[in-house]
Amino acid sequence: MNGSEPQQIIIETLRSYLKNKCDEILGYVSITGQRVIKIYLRALYRFYRSSEEYPRLSDVLNAALSSGKDPFKELGFELHIDTEEYIEASVDTLTRLCNEIRNYGVSNK
C-alpha cells in the first residue's frame, strides 16, 4: 500500500475487515432485527497493513481526515469520534457493500 492515498488505504482496510466479517455480522443482524450497525475502529486494526509513512491505522486516518475527506463516507458509513471511535451504517448499506465484496473482491470500488 505504500504510496497510496490515505482515503484508499482506509477503504481497503474496511473492505478487508468486511470480507472476513460480513457473514457473521449479517447473520447477527438478521436475528436481532437491527437496522443500524456500529463497527468500532479498533476492530479494523488487525486488518490494517502498516507502511513506513503510516505505521498505525490512526496515522492514516488522521492524514485522510486532515485532507478534509472522510474515507468512510464514500462507502456509506458515518464516522463518530467522541468518547468512542466507531463507524455506523444502515444494514442496507452493509448488505450492499458485502454483496459487492463477494462479487468483486476487496479492492474494487
Protein backbone atom coordinates (compact mmCIF):
# COMPACT_ATOMS: atom_id res chain seq x y z
CA MET A 1 0.00 0.00 0.00
CA ASN A 2 2.98 2.30 0.00
CA GLY A 3 2.28 5.49 -1.90
CA SER A 4 -1.49 5.02 -1.73
CA GLU A 5 -3.77 7.84 -0.80
CA PRO A 6 -4.87 7.73 2.87
CA GLN A 7 -8.54 7.53 1.90
CA GLN A 8 -7.93 4.49 -0.30
CA ILE A 9 -5.92 2.77 2.42
CA ILE A 10 -8.79 3.23 4.89
CA ILE A 11 -11.33 1.94 2.35
CA GLU A 12 -9.22 -1.14 1.63
CA THR A 13 -8.81 -1.79 5.36
CA LEU A 14 -12.58 -1.65 5.91
CA ARG A 15 -13.22 -3.86 2.88
CA SER A 16 -10.67 -6.39 4.17
CA TYR A 17 -12.40 -6.42 7.56
CA LEU A 18 -15.80 -6.91 5.92
CA LYS A 19 -14.53 -9.66 3.65
CA ASN A 20 -13.86 -11.65 6.81
CA LYS A 21 -16.85 -10.50 8.90
CA CYS A 22 -19.81 -9.89 6.55
CA ASP A 23 -21.46 -13.27 7.05
CA GLU A 24 -21.09 -13.06 10.81
CA ILE A 25 -22.43 -9.50 11.05
CA LEU A 26 -25.32 -10.05 8.62
CA GLY A 27 -26.29 -13.25 10.41
CA TYR A 28 -26.35 -11.43 13.72
CA VAL A 29 -28.45 -8.51 12.44
CA SER A 30 -30.93 -10.87 10.80
CA ILE A 31 -31.54 -12.44 14.20
CA THR A 32 -31.69 -9.20 16.17
CA GLY A 33 -33.54 -7.12 13.60
CA GLN A 34 -31.08 -4.25 13.90
CA ARG A 35 -31.35 -1.51 11.29
CA VAL A 36 -28.04 0.18 12.04
CA ILE A 37 -24.67 -1.36 12.82
CA LYS A 38 -21.60 0.02 14.56
CA ILE A 39 -18.07 -1.10 13.85
CA TYR A 40 -15.53 0.08 16.36
CA LEU A 41 -12.32 1.31 14.77
CA ARG A 42 -10.25 -0.96 17.00
CA ALA A 43 -11.82 -3.90 15.12
CA LEU A 44 -10.08 -2.68 11.96
CA TYR A 45 -6.57 -2.67 13.48
CA ARG A 46 -5.95 -6.32 12.69
CA PHE A 47 -6.79 -5.75 9.02
CA TYR A 48 -4.63 -2.66 8.57
CA ARG A 49 -1.34 -3.15 6.73
CA SER A 50 1.10 -0.60 8.07
CA SER A 51 3.60 1.31 5.98
CA GLU A 52 6.59 3.49 6.75
CA GLU A 53 4.52 6.57 6.09
CA TYR A 54 1.55 5.37 8.16
CA PRO A 55 2.70 2.88 10.80
CA ARG A 56 -0.69 2.86 12.60
CA LEU A 57 -4.29 2.95 11.46
CA SER A 58 -4.76 6.16 13.44
CA ASP A 59 -1.94 7.78 11.44
CA VAL A 60 -3.55 7.08 8.08
CA LEU A 61 -6.99 8.05 9.38
CA ASN A 62 -5.66 11.37 10.69
CA ALA A 63 -4.00 12.01 7.31
CA ALA A 64 -7.25 11.27 5.50
CA LEU A 65 -9.32 13.48 7.78
CA SER A 66 -6.81 16.35 7.70
CA SER A 67 -7.25 16.48 3.93
CA GLY A 68 -10.92 17.21 4.55
CA LYS A 69 -12.15 13.86 3.27
CA ASP A 70 -13.95 11.28 5.35
CA PRO A 71 -12.95 7.96 3.75
CA PHE A 72 -15.85 6.09 5.34
CA LYS A 73 -18.47 8.39 3.86
CA GLU A 74 -17.64 7.13 0.36
CA LEU A 75 -18.88 3.69 1.41
CA GLY A 76 -21.97 4.98 3.21
CA PHE A 77 -20.63 4.92 6.77
CA GLU A 78 -20.69 7.76 9.26
CA LEU A 79 -17.58 8.26 11.39
CA HIS A 80 -18.03 9.00 15.09
CA ILE A 81 -15.06 10.15 17.11
CA ASP A 82 -16.00 11.23 20.60
CA THR A 83 -15.76 9.13 23.75
CA GLU A 84 -15.79 6.06 21.47
CA GLU A 85 -14.42 5.72 17.95
CA TYR A 86 -16.67 3.85 15.55
CA ILE A 87 -18.34 3.93 12.16
CA GLU A 88 -22.03 3.45 11.68
CA ALA A 89 -24.16 2.44 8.69
CA SER A 90 -27.56 1.07 7.89
CA VAL A 91 -27.89 -2.67 7.46
CA ASP A 92 -28.95 -1.96 3.85
CA THR A 93 -25.63 -0.19 3.23
CA LEU A 94 -23.72 -3.02 4.85
CA THR A 95 -25.60 -5.63 2.81
CA ARG A 96 -24.88 -3.78 -0.43
CA LEU A 97 -21.20 -3.46 0.42
CA CYS A 98 -20.93 -7.11 1.45
CA ASN A 99 -22.51 -8.16 -1.84
CA GLU A 100 -20.01 -6.00 -3.75
CA ILE A 101 -17.11 -7.54 -1.86
CA ARG A 102 -18.39 -11.07 -2.52
CA ASN A 103 -18.85 -10.35 -6.23
CA TYR A 104 -15.84 -8.16 -6.99
CA GLY A 105 -13.32 -8.55 -4.18
CA VAL A 106 -11.74 -6.22 -1.66
CA SER A 107 -10.04 -3.65 -3.91
CA ASN A 108 -12.89 -2.94 -6.31
CA LYS A 109 -14.99 0.14 -5.62
